[in-house]
PDB file of N, CA and C in Angstrom:
ATOM      1  N   MET A   1      85.961 -35.400  16.520  1.00  0.00           N
ATOM      2  CA  MET A   1      85.109 -34.267  16.253  1.00  0.00           C
ATOM      3  C   MET A   1      83.747 -34.787  15.817  1.00  0.00           C
ATOM      4  N   SER A   2      82.704 -34.265  16.421  1.00  0.00           N
ATOM      5  CA  SER A   2      81.379 -34.730  16.067  1.00  0.00           C
ATOM      6  C   SER A   2      80.834 -33.904  14.906  1.00  0.00           C
ATOM      7  N   THR A   3      80.024 -34.551  14.112  1.00  0.00           N
ATOM      8  CA  THR A   3      79.398 -33.838  13.014  1.00  0.00           C
ATOM      9  C   THR A   3      77.963 -33.539  13.393  1.00  0.00           C
ATOM     10  N   THR A   4      77.487 -32.398  12.985  1.00  0.00           N
ATOM     11  CA  THR A   4      76.115 -32.041  13.279  1.00  0.00           C
ATOM     12  C   THR A   4      75.263 -32.318  12.060  1.00  0.00           C
ATOM     13  N   ARG A   5      74.056 -32.706  12.324  1.00  0.00           N
ATOM     14  CA  ARG A   5      73.128 -32.998  11.250  1.00  0.00           C
ATOM     15  C   ARG A   5      72.682 -31.697  10.609  1.00  0.00           C
ATOM     16  N   ARG A   6      72.729 -31.665   9.305  1.00  0.00           N
ATOM     17  CA  ARG A   6      72.291 -30.470   8.591  1.00  0.00           C
ATOM     18  C   ARG A   6      70.769 -30.415   8.607  1.00  0.00           C
ATOM     19  N   ARG A   7      70.244 -29.210   8.744  1.00  0.00           N
ATOM     20  CA  ARG A   7      68.802 -28.999   8.733  1.00  0.00           C
ATOM     21  C   ARG A   7      68.466 -28.103   7.554  1.00  0.00           C
ATOM     22  N   PHE A   8      67.411 -28.454   6.866  1.00  0.00           N
ATOM     23  CA  PHE A   8      67.044 -27.722   5.666  1.00  0.00           C
ATOM     24  C   PHE A   8      65.686 -27.061   5.857  1.00  0.00           C
ATOM     25  N   SER A   9      65.544 -25.859   5.361  1.00  0.00           N
ATOM     26  CA  SER A   9      64.285 -25.131   5.478  1.00  0.00           C
ATOM     27  C   SER A   9      63.277 -25.686   4.474  1.00  0.00           C
ATOM     28  N   LYS A  10      62.023 -25.354   4.736  1.00  0.00           N
ATOM     29  CA  LYS A  10      60.960 -25.788   3.839  1.00  0.00           C
ATOM     30  C   LYS A  10      61.186 -25.193   2.444  1.00  0.00           C
ATOM     31  N   ALA A  11      61.611 -23.933   2.394  1.00  0.00           N
ATOM     32  CA  ALA A  11      61.849 -23.280   1.106  1.00  0.00           C
ATOM     33  C   ALA A  11      62.943 -24.000   0.319  1.00  0.00           C
ATOM     34  N   PHE A  12      64.004 -24.416   1.005  1.00  0.00           N
ATOM     35  CA  PHE A  12      65.096 -25.132   0.345  1.00  0.00           C
ATOM     36  C   PHE A  12      64.595 -26.459  -0.207  1.00  0.00           C
ATOM     37  N   LYS A  13      63.828 -27.184   0.601  1.00  0.00           N
ATOM     38  CA  LYS A  13      63.302 -28.482   0.158  1.00  0.00           C
ATOM     39  C   LYS A  13      62.391 -28.318  -1.046  1.00  0.00           C
ATOM     40  N   LEU A  14      61.553 -27.286  -1.005  1.00  0.00           N
ATOM     41  CA  LEU A  14      60.664 -27.040  -2.145  1.00  0.00           C
ATOM     42  C   LEU A  14      61.455 -26.703  -3.405  1.00  0.00           C
ATOM     43  N   GLU A  15      62.522 -25.941  -3.250  1.00  0.00           N
ATOM     44  CA  GLU A  15      63.358 -25.595  -4.394  1.00  0.00           C
ATOM     45  C   GLU A  15      63.975 -26.856  -5.008  1.00  0.00           C
ATOM     46  N   VAL A  16      64.459 -27.755  -4.147  1.00  0.00           N
ATOM     47  CA  VAL A  16      65.039 -29.011  -4.622  1.00  0.00           C
ATOM     48  C   VAL A  16      63.984 -29.848  -5.333  1.00  0.00           C
ATOM     49  N   VAL A  17      62.805 -29.975  -4.722  1.00  0.00           N
ATOM     50  CA  VAL A  17      61.735 -30.791  -5.304  1.00  0.00           C
ATOM     51  C   VAL A  17      61.288 -30.217  -6.639  1.00  0.00           C
ATOM     52  N   HIS A  18      61.123 -28.916  -6.724  1.00  0.00           N
ATOM     53  CA  HIS A  18      60.700 -28.306  -7.987  1.00  0.00           C
ATOM     54  C   HIS A  18      61.751 -28.493  -9.078  1.00  0.00           C
ATOM     55  N   ALA A  19      63.011 -28.423  -8.709  1.00  0.00           N
ATOM     56  CA  ALA A  19      64.067 -28.668  -9.694  1.00  0.00           C
ATOM     57  C   ALA A  19      63.991 -30.110 -10.194  1.00  0.00           C
ATOM     58  N   TYR A  20      63.761 -31.038  -9.292  1.00  0.00           N
ATOM     59  CA  TYR A  20      63.684 -32.456  -9.659  1.00  0.00           C
ATOM     60  C   TYR A  20      62.448 -32.741 -10.511  1.00  0.00           C
ATOM     61  N   ILE A  21      61.313 -32.195 -10.094  1.00  0.00           N
ATOM     62  CA  ILE A  21      60.060 -32.441 -10.804  1.00  0.00           C
ATOM     63  C   ILE A  21      60.082 -31.797 -12.192  1.00  0.00           C
ATOM     64  N   SER A  22      60.796 -30.692 -12.331  1.00  0.00           N
ATOM     65  CA  SER A  22      60.849 -30.005 -13.625  1.00  0.00           C
ATOM     66  C   SER A  22      61.663 -30.766 -14.662  1.00  0.00           C
ATOM     67  N   GLY A  23      62.315 -31.852 -14.225  1.00  0.00           N
ATOM     68  CA  GLY A  23      63.040 -32.675 -15.181  1.00  0.00           C
ATOM     69  C   GLY A  23      64.547 -32.570 -15.095  1.00  0.00           C
ATOM     70  N   THR A  24      65.040 -31.804 -14.165  1.00  0.00           N
ATOM     71  CA  THR A  24      66.486 -31.713 -13.994  1.00  0.00           C
ATOM     72  C   THR A  24      67.004 -33.070 -13.514  1.00  0.00           C
ATOM     73  N   PRO A  25      68.051 -33.593 -14.117  1.00  0.00           N
ATOM     74  CA  PRO A  25      68.582 -34.890 -13.682  1.00  0.00           C
ATOM     75  C   PRO A  25      69.004 -34.859 -12.208  1.00  0.00           C
ATOM     76  N   VAL A  26      68.790 -35.970 -11.520  1.00  0.00           N
ATOM     77  CA  VAL A  26      69.103 -36.053 -10.104  1.00  0.00           C
ATOM     78  C   VAL A  26      70.572 -35.740  -9.846  1.00  0.00           C
ATOM     79  N   ALA A  27      71.440 -36.203 -10.703  1.00  0.00           N
ATOM     80  CA  ALA A  27      72.873 -35.941 -10.527  1.00  0.00           C
ATOM     81  C   ALA A  27      73.158 -34.441 -10.510  1.00  0.00           C
ATOM     82  N   GLU A  28      72.470 -33.710 -11.357  1.00  0.00           N
ATOM     83  CA  GLU A  28      72.672 -32.263 -11.394  1.00  0.00           C
ATOM     84  C   GLU A  28      72.069 -31.591 -10.154  1.00  0.00           C
ATOM     85  N   VAL A  29      70.915 -32.084  -9.710  1.00  0.00           N
ATOM     86  CA  VAL A  29      70.265 -31.521  -8.516  1.00  0.00           C
ATOM     87  C   VAL A  29      71.147 -31.714  -7.288  1.00  0.00           C
ATOM     88  N   ILE A  30      71.697 -32.916  -7.114  1.00  0.00           N
ATOM     89  CA  ILE A  30      72.508 -33.157  -5.915  1.00  0.00           C
ATOM     90  C   ILE A  30      73.811 -32.364  -5.951  1.00  0.00           C
ATOM     91  N   ARG A  31      74.361 -32.154  -7.145  1.00  0.00           N
ATOM     92  CA  ARG A  31      75.560 -31.325  -7.261  1.00  0.00           C
ATOM     93  C   ARG A  31      75.242 -29.863  -6.977  1.00  0.00           C
ATOM     94  N   GLN A  32      74.133 -29.402  -7.526  1.00  0.00           N
ATOM     95  CA  GLN A  32      73.760 -28.001  -7.381  1.00  0.00           C
ATOM     96  C   GLN A  32      73.451 -27.651  -5.918  1.00  0.00           C
ATOM     97  N   PHE A  33      72.750 -28.548  -5.216  1.00  0.00           N
ATOM     98  CA  PHE A  33      72.311 -28.243  -3.857  1.00  0.00           C
ATOM     99  C   PHE A  33      73.178 -28.904  -2.782  1.00  0.00           C
ATOM    100  N   ASP A  34      74.162 -29.680  -3.188  1.00  0.00           N
ATOM    101  CA  ASP A  34      75.086 -30.333  -2.269  1.00  0.00           C
ATOM    102  C   ASP A  34      74.351 -31.165  -1.221  1.00  0.00           C
ATOM    103  N   ILE A  35      73.533 -32.090  -1.716  1.00  0.00           N
ATOM    104  CA  ILE A  35      72.781 -32.993  -0.840  1.00  0.00           C
ATOM    105  C   ILE A  35      72.910 -34.413  -1.374  1.00  0.00           C
ATOM    106  N   HIS A  36      72.493 -35.370  -0.570  1.00  0.00           N
ATOM    107  CA  HIS A  36      72.533 -36.773  -0.978  1.00  0.00           C
ATOM    108  C   HIS A  36      71.326 -37.069  -1.852  1.00  0.00           C
ATOM    109  N   GLN A  37      71.498 -37.968  -2.804  1.00  0.00           N
ATOM    110  CA  GLN A  37      70.414 -38.258  -3.741  1.00  0.00           C
ATOM    111  C   GLN A  37      69.181 -38.842  -3.056  1.00  0.00           C
ATOM    112  N   ASN A  38      69.361 -39.564  -1.963  1.00  0.00           N
ATOM    113  CA  ASN A  38      68.206 -40.125  -1.261  1.00  0.00           C
ATOM    114  C   ASN A  38      67.281 -39.030  -0.741  1.00  0.00           C
ATOM    115  N   LEU A  39      67.845 -37.876  -0.383  1.00  0.00           N
ATOM    116  CA  LEU A  39      67.014 -36.767   0.082  1.00  0.00           C
ATOM    117  C   LEU A  39      66.113 -36.256  -1.036  1.00  0.00           C
ATOM    118  N   VAL A  40      66.624 -36.205  -2.238  1.00  0.00           N
ATOM    119  CA  VAL A  40      65.825 -35.739  -3.368  1.00  0.00           C
ATOM    120  C   VAL A  40      64.606 -36.640  -3.535  1.00  0.00           C
ATOM    121  N   TYR A  41      64.830 -37.941  -3.548  1.00  0.00           N
ATOM    122  CA  TYR A  41      63.725 -38.877  -3.723  1.00  0.00           C
ATOM    123  C   TYR A  41      62.748 -38.820  -2.550  1.00  0.00           C
ATOM    124  N   LYS A  42      63.281 -38.750  -1.352  1.00  0.00           N
ATOM    125  CA  LYS A  42      62.437 -38.707  -0.152  1.00  0.00           C
ATOM    126  C   LYS A  42      61.567 -37.454  -0.139  1.00  0.00           C
ATOM    127  N   TRP A  43      62.189 -36.295  -0.413  1.00  0.00           N
ATOM    128  CA  TRP A  43      61.439 -35.045  -0.399  1.00  0.00           C
ATOM    129  C   TRP A  43      60.416 -34.994  -1.530  1.00  0.00           C
ATOM    130  N   ALA A  44      60.771 -35.505  -2.699  1.00  0.00           N
ATOM    131  CA  ALA A  44      59.830 -35.520  -3.824  1.00  0.00           C
ATOM    132  C   ALA A  44      58.639 -36.418  -3.503  1.00  0.00           C
ATOM    133  N   GLN A  45      58.896 -37.552  -2.886  1.00  0.00           N
ATOM    134  CA  GLN A  45      57.821 -38.469  -2.516  1.00  0.00           C
ATOM    135  C   GLN A  45      56.908 -37.822  -1.472  1.00  0.00           C
ATOM    136  N   GLU A  46      57.497 -37.167  -0.494  1.00  0.00           N
ATOM    137  CA  GLU A  46      56.709 -36.502   0.543  1.00  0.00           C
ATOM    138  C   GLU A  46      55.866 -35.376  -0.053  1.00  0.00           C
ATOM    139  N   TYR A  47      56.438 -34.619  -0.958  1.00  0.00           N
ATOM    140  CA  TYR A  47      55.725 -33.513  -1.585  1.00  0.00           C
ATOM    141  C   TYR A  47      54.580 -34.022  -2.469  1.00  0.00           C
ATOM    142  N   GLN A  48      54.832 -35.075  -3.226  1.00  0.00           N
ATOM    143  CA  GLN A  48      53.816 -35.598  -4.129  1.00  0.00           C
ATOM    144  C   GLN A  48      52.681 -36.272  -3.359  1.00  0.00           C
ATOM    145  N   ALA A  49      52.979 -36.806  -2.182  1.00  0.00           N
ATOM    146  CA  ALA A  49      51.938 -37.448  -1.371  1.00  0.00           C
ATOM    147  C   ALA A  49      50.941 -36.408  -0.856  1.00  0.00           C
ATOM    148  N   ASN A  50      51.430 -35.261  -0.418  1.00  0.00           N
ATOM    149  CA  ASN A  50      50.540 -34.220   0.089  1.00  0.00           C
ATOM    150  C   ASN A  50      51.283 -32.885   0.109  1.00  0.00           C
ATOM    151  N   PRO A  51      51.152 -32.097  -0.950  1.00  0.00           N
ATOM    152  CA  PRO A  51      51.911 -30.844  -1.046  1.00  0.00           C
ATOM    153  C   PRO A  51      51.598 -29.837   0.066  1.00  0.00           C
ATOM    154  N   GLU A  52      50.359 -29.832   0.585  1.00  0.00           N
ATOM    155  CA  GLU A  52      49.993 -28.849   1.602  1.00  0.00           C
ATOM    156  C   GLU A  52      50.695 -29.092   2.938  1.00  0.00           C
ATOM    157  N   THR A  53      50.866 -30.353   3.293  1.00  0.00           N
ATOM    158  CA  THR A  53      51.463 -30.657   4.600  1.00  0.00           C
ATOM    159  C   THR A  53      52.910 -31.129   4.501  1.00  0.00           C
ATOM    160  N   ALA A  54      53.460 -31.095   3.318  1.00  0.00           N
ATOM    161  CA  ALA A  54      54.840 -31.558   3.144  1.00  0.00           C
ATOM    162  C   ALA A  54      55.806 -30.649   3.886  1.00  0.00           C
ATOM    163  N   PHE A  55      56.781 -31.255   4.493  1.00  0.00           N
ATOM    164  CA  PHE A  55      57.888 -30.563   5.161  1.00  0.00           C
ATOM    165  C   PHE A  55      57.451 -29.770   6.382  1.00  0.00           C
ATOM    166  N   ARG A  56      56.407 -30.207   7.030  1.00  0.00           N
ATOM    167  CA  ARG A  56      56.036 -29.562   8.289  1.00  0.00           C
ATOM    168  C   ARG A  56      57.081 -29.865   9.327  1.00  0.00           C
ATOM    169  N   GLY A  57      57.397 -28.893  10.120  1.00  0.00           N
ATOM    170  CA  GLY A  57      58.402 -29.092  11.153  1.00  0.00           C
ATOM    171  C   GLY A  57      59.814 -28.935  10.624  1.00  0.00           C
ATOM    172  N   SER A  58      59.950 -28.418   9.420  1.00  0.00           N
ATOM    173  CA  SER A  58      61.281 -28.182   8.877  1.00  0.00           C
ATOM    174  C   SER A  58      61.902 -26.986   9.577  1.00  0.00           C
ATOM    175  N   ALA A  59      63.146 -26.768   9.329  1.00  0.00           N
ATOM    176  CA  ALA A  59      63.885 -25.689   9.997  1.00  0.00           C
ATOM    177  C   ALA A  59      63.598 -24.354   9.327  1.00  0.00           C
ATOM    178  N   ASP A  60      62.330 -23.963   9.290  1.00  0.00           N
ATOM    179  CA  ASP A  60      61.970 -22.706   8.629  1.00  0.00           C
ATOM    180  C   ASP A  60      62.443 -21.492   9.406  1.00  0.00           C
ATOM    181  N   GLU A  61      61.811 -21.244  10.495  1.00  0.00           N
ATOM    182  CA  GLU A  61      62.191 -20.096  11.305  1.00  0.00           C
ATOM    183  C   GLU A  61      62.805 -20.610  12.579  1.00  0.00           C
ATOM    184  N   ASP A  62      63.846 -19.940  13.002  1.00  0.00           N
ATOM    185  CA  ASP A  62      64.455 -20.291  14.278  1.00  0.00           C
ATOM    186  C   ASP A  62      63.548 -19.808  15.395  1.00  0.00           C
ATOM    187  N   THR A  63      63.188 -20.702  16.259  1.00  0.00           N
ATOM    188  CA  THR A  63      62.443 -20.301  17.438  1.00  0.00           C
ATOM    189  C   THR A  63      63.432 -19.686  18.406  1.00  0.00           C
ATOM    190  N   PRO A  64      62.953 -18.845  19.323  1.00  0.00           N
ATOM    191  CA  PRO A  64      63.894 -18.254  20.280  1.00  0.00           C
ATOM    192  C   PRO A  64      64.681 -19.319  21.039  1.00  0.00           C
ATOM    193  N   GLN A  65      64.029 -20.435  21.351  1.00  0.00           N
ATOM    194  CA  GLN A  65      64.713 -21.491  22.083  1.00  0.00           C
ATOM    195  C   GLN A  65      65.826 -22.103  21.240  1.00  0.00           C
ATOM    196  N   SER A  66      65.555 -22.377  19.974  1.00  0.00           N
ATOM    197  CA  SER A  66      66.593 -22.984  19.139  1.00  0.00           C
ATOM    198  C   SER A  66      67.726 -21.990  18.886  1.00  0.00           C
ATOM    199  N   SER A  67      67.408 -20.707  18.789  1.00  0.00           N
ATOM    200  CA  SER A  67      68.458 -19.701  18.632  1.00  0.00           C
ATOM    201  C   SER A  67      69.344 -19.655  19.871  1.00  0.00           C
ATOM    202  N   GLU A  68      68.713 -19.717  21.042  1.00  0.00           N
ATOM    203  CA  GLU A  68      69.476 -19.713  22.289  1.00  0.00           C
ATOM    204  C   GLU A  68      70.341 -20.962  22.401  1.00  0.00           C
ATOM    205  N   GLN A  69      69.799 -22.100  21.975  1.00  0.00           N
ATOM    206  CA  GLN A  69      70.576 -23.339  21.998  1.00  0.00           C
ATOM    207  C   GLN A  69      71.765 -23.230  21.056  1.00  0.00           C
ATOM    208  N   ARG A  70      71.548 -22.659  19.901  1.00  0.00           N
ATOM    209  CA  ARG A  70      72.619 -22.504  18.918  1.00  0.00           C
ATOM    210  C   ARG A  70      73.710 -21.575  19.457  1.00  0.00           C
ATOM    211  N   ILE A  71      73.301 -20.480  20.086  1.00  0.00           N
ATOM    212  CA  ILE A  71      74.264 -19.549  20.670  1.00  0.00           C
ATOM    213  C   ILE A  71      75.067 -20.239  21.764  1.00  0.00           C
ATOM    214  N   ALA A  72      74.380 -21.007  22.617  1.00  0.00           N
ATOM    215  CA  ALA A  72      75.070 -21.719  23.694  1.00  0.00           C
ATOM    216  C   ALA A  72      76.075 -22.714  23.131  1.00  0.00           C
ATOM    217  N   GLU A  73      75.699 -23.432  22.082  1.00  0.00           N
ATOM    218  CA  GLU A  73      76.610 -24.393  21.455  1.00  0.00           C
ATOM    219  C   GLU A  73      77.828 -23.681  20.872  1.00  0.00           C
ATOM    220  N   LEU A  74      77.600 -22.563  20.204  1.00  0.00           N
ATOM    221  CA  LEU A  74      78.713 -21.812  19.624  1.00  0.00           C
ATOM    222  C   LEU A  74      79.629 -21.254  20.706  1.00  0.00           C
ATOM    223  N   GLU A  75      79.065 -20.828  21.830  1.00  0.00           N
ATOM    224  CA  GLU A  75      79.889 -20.340  22.936  1.00  0.00           C
ATOM    225  C   GLU A  75      80.745 -21.462  23.519  1.00  0.00           C
ATOM    226  N   ARG A  76      80.171 -22.667  23.612  1.00  0.00           N
ATOM    227  CA  ARG A  76      80.944 -23.817  24.098  1.00  0.00           C
ATOM    228  C   ARG A  76      82.104 -24.120  23.157  1.00  0.00           C
ATOM    229  N   VAL A  77      81.828 -24.104  21.866  1.00  0.00           N
ATOM    230  CA  VAL A  77      82.880 -24.371  20.877  1.00  0.00           C
ATOM    231  C   VAL A  77      83.956 -23.295  20.953  1.00  0.00           C
ATOM    232  N   LEU A  78      83.546 -22.037  21.056  1.00  0.00           N
ATOM    233  CA  LEU A  78      84.505 -20.942  21.157  1.00  0.00           C
ATOM    234  C   LEU A  78      85.379 -21.103  22.394  1.00  0.00           C
ATOM    235  N   GLY A  79      84.781 -21.473  23.508  1.00  0.00           N
ATOM    236  CA  GLY A  79      85.545 -21.684  24.734  1.00  0.00           C
ATOM    237  C   GLY A  79      86.561 -22.801  24.579  1.00  0.00           C
ATOM    238  N   ARG A  80      86.130 -23.905  23.966  1.00  0.00           N
ATOM    239  CA  ARG A  80      87.036 -25.038  23.773  1.00  0.00           C
ATOM    240  C   ARG A  80      88.194 -24.664  22.853  1.00  0.00           C
ATOM    241  N   VAL A  81      87.896 -23.972  21.767  1.00  0.00           N
ATOM    242  CA  VAL A  81      88.933 -23.579  20.817  1.00  0.00           C
ATOM    243  C   VAL A  81      89.901 -22.589  21.472  1.00  0.00           C
ATOM    244  N   THR A  82      89.385 -21.690  22.297  1.00  0.00           N
ATOM    245  CA  THR A  82      90.248 -20.741  22.995  1.00  0.00           C
ATOM    246  C   THR A  82      91.204 -21.468  23.928  1.00  0.00           C
ATOM    247  N   LEU A  83      90.690 -22.453  24.676  1.00  0.00           N
ATOM    248  CA  LEU A  83      91.553 -23.236  25.566  1.00  0.00           C
ATOM    249  C   LEU A  83      92.615 -23.998  24.780  1.00  0.00           C
ATOM    250  N   GLU A  84      92.221 -24.604  23.676  1.00  0.00           N
ATOM    251  CA  GLU A  84      93.174 -25.338  22.844  1.00  0.00           C
ATOM    252  C   GLU A  84      94.252 -24.393  22.303  1.00  0.00           C
ATOM    253  N   ASN A  85      93.845 -23.202  21.891  1.00  0.00           N
ATOM    254  CA  ASN A  85      94.777 -22.215  21.359  1.00  0.00           C
ATOM    255  C   ASN A  85      95.791 -21.805  22.425  1.00  0.00           C
ATOM    256  N   GLU A  86      95.329 -21.537  23.636  1.00  0.00           N
ATOM    257  CA  GLU A  86      96.235 -21.152  24.726  1.00  0.00           C
ATOM    258  C   GLU A  86      97.203 -22.295  25.055  1.00  0.00           C
ATOM    259  N   PHE A  87      96.693 -23.526  25.079  1.00  0.00           N
ATOM    260  CA  PHE A  87      97.539 -24.686  25.343  1.00  0.00           C
ATOM    261  C   PHE A  87      98.640 -24.800  24.290  1.00  0.00           C
ATOM    262  N   LEU A  88      98.258 -24.647  23.035  1.00  0.00           N
ATOM    263  CA  LEU A  88      99.236 -24.773  21.953  1.00  0.00           C
ATOM    264  C   LEU A  88     100.262 -23.644  21.989  1.00  0.00           C
ATOM    265  N   LYS A  89      99.845 -22.439  22.349  1.00  0.00           N
ATOM    266  CA  LYS A  89     100.799 -21.336  22.475  1.00  0.00           C
ATOM    267  C   LYS A  89     101.830 -21.635  23.565  1.00  0.00           C
ATOM    268  N   LYS A  90     101.357 -22.152  24.699  1.00  0.00           N
ATOM    269  CA  LYS A  90     102.274 -22.478  25.796  1.00  0.00           C
ATOM    270  C   LYS A  90     103.210 -23.618  25.397  1.00  0.00           C
ATOM    271  N   ALA A  91     102.671 -24.616  24.699  1.00  0.00           N
ATOM    272  CA  ALA A  91     103.489 -25.745  24.272  1.00  0.00           C
ATOM    273  C   ALA A  91     104.555 -25.287  23.278  1.00  0.00           C
ATOM    274  N   LEU A  92     104.204 -24.396  22.378  1.00  0.00           N
ATOM    275  CA  LEU A  92     105.164 -23.881  21.411  1.00  0.00           C
ATOM    276  C   LEU A  92     106.253 -23.075  22.112  1.00  0.00           C
ATOM    277  N   SER A  93     105.851 -22.263  23.061  1.00  0.00           N
ATOM    278  CA  SER A  93     106.822 -21.480  23.814  1.00  0.00           C
ATOM    279  C   SER A  93     107.775 -22.392  24.580  1.00  0.00           C
ATOM    280  N   HIS A  94     107.227 -23.427  25.186  1.00  0.00           N
ATOM    281  CA  HIS A  94     108.043 -24.383  25.932  1.00  0.00           C
ATOM    282  C   HIS A  94     109.010 -25.104  24.992  1.00  0.00           C
ATOM    283  N   ALA A  95     108.520 -25.507  23.832  1.00  0.00           N
ATOM    284  CA  ALA A  95     109.373 -26.208  22.864  1.00  0.00           C
ATOM    285  C   ALA A  95     110.490 -25.298  22.368  1.00  0.00           C
ATOM    286  N   LYS A  96     110.190 -24.025  22.152  1.00  0.00           N
ATOM    287  CA  LYS A  96     111.217 -23.080  21.714  1.00  0.00           C
ATOM    288  C   LYS A  96     112.284 -22.913  22.792  1.00  0.00           C
ATOM    289  N   ASN A  97     111.865 -22.880  24.062  1.00  0.00           N
ATOM    290  CA  ASN A  97     112.821 -22.754  25.161  1.00  0.00           C
ATOM    291  C   ASN A  97     113.737 -23.969  25.237  1.00  0.00           C
ATOM    292  N   ILE A  98     113.178 -25.148  25.061  1.00  0.00           N
ATOM    293  CA  ILE A  98     113.971 -26.378  25.125  1.00  0.00           C
ATOM    294  C   ILE A  98     114.948 -26.427  23.953  1.00  0.00           C
ATOM    295  N   LEU A  99     114.490 -26.137  22.771  1.00  0.00           N
ATOM    296  CA  LEU A  99     115.347 -26.221  21.589  1.00  0.00           C
ATOM    297  C   LEU A  99     116.366 -25.086  21.532  1.00  0.00           C
ATOM    298  N   GLY A 100     116.070 -23.991  22.156  1.00  0.00           N
ATOM    299  CA  GLY A 100     116.966 -22.850  22.107  1.00  0.00           C
ATOM    300  C   GLY A 100     117.975 -22.808  23.235  1.00  0.00           C
ATOM    301  N   SER A 101     117.894 -23.747  24.168  1.00  0.00           N
ATOM    302  CA  SER A 101     118.824 -23.693  25.305  1.00  0.00           C
ATOM    303  C   SER A 101     120.222 -24.123  24.870  1.00  0.00           C
ATOM    304  N   ASP A 102     121.248 -23.621  25.605  1.00  0.00           N
ATOM    305  CA  ASP A 102     122.649 -23.936  25.283  1.00  0.00           C
ATOM    306  C   ASP A 102     123.180 -25.009  26.221  1.00  0.00           C
ATOM    307  N   LYS A 103     122.384 -25.991  26.537  1.00  0.00           N
ATOM    308  CA  LYS A 103     122.830 -27.069  27.425  1.00  0.00           C
ATOM    309  C   LYS A 103     123.735 -28.020  26.652  1.00  0.00           C
ATOM    310  N   PRO A 104     124.621 -28.725  27.387  1.00  0.00           N
ATOM    311  CA  PRO A 104     125.454 -29.729  26.707  1.00  0.00           C
ATOM    312  C   PRO A 104     124.575 -30.787  26.050  1.00  0.00           C
ATOM    313  N   GLY A 105     125.043 -31.265  24.958  1.00  0.00           N
ATOM    314  CA  GLY A 105     124.283 -32.289  24.235  1.00  0.00           C
ATOM    315  C   GLY A 105     123.306 -31.686  23.240  1.00  0.00           C
ATOM    316  N   ASN A 106     123.272 -30.386  23.177  1.00  0.00           N
ATOM    317  CA  ASN A 106     122.386 -29.723  22.230  1.00  0.00           C
ATOM    318  C   ASN A 106     122.961 -29.899  20.823  1.00  0.00           C
ATOM    319  N   THR A 107     122.152 -30.352  19.906  1.00  0.00           N
ATOM    320  CA  THR A 107     122.617 -30.598  18.539  1.00  0.00           C
ATOM    321  C   THR A 107     122.440 -29.396  17.651  1.00  0.00           C
ATOM    322  N   LYS A 108     122.101 -28.287  18.232  1.00  0.00           N
ATOM    323  CA  LYS A 108     121.898 -27.074  17.444  1.00  0.00           C
ATOM    324  C   LYS A 108     123.230 -26.538  16.958  1.00  0.00           C
ATOM    325  N   SER A 109     123.323 -26.185  15.680  1.00  0.00           N
ATOM    326  CA  SER A 109     124.583 -25.698  15.090  1.00  0.00           C
ATOM    327  C   SER A 109     124.792 -24.247  15.385  1.00  0.00           C
TER     328      SER A 109
END
């Protein structure tokens, strides 16, 4: 199973940076926002270098293209899961038929 990279909005990054800059311990910030500590330092450094241009290109608003890509990806996942579900249902039915048969050598009591 592949993992997808998490994308954070500019607002989220600013919230993390402000929490860090206000004196909240890094351990508490990473627990609160469920992120890696390196992100806190990286985002704080980027913000302190130039607050006006910090986090440009972040996942702020979904563009129509990215929304369409996301929908297409979710449809692919749904299709795959549906196929897996049907396969497992058939396999379970087949296994029940084999175990439930009254053929000689059956160890069923």
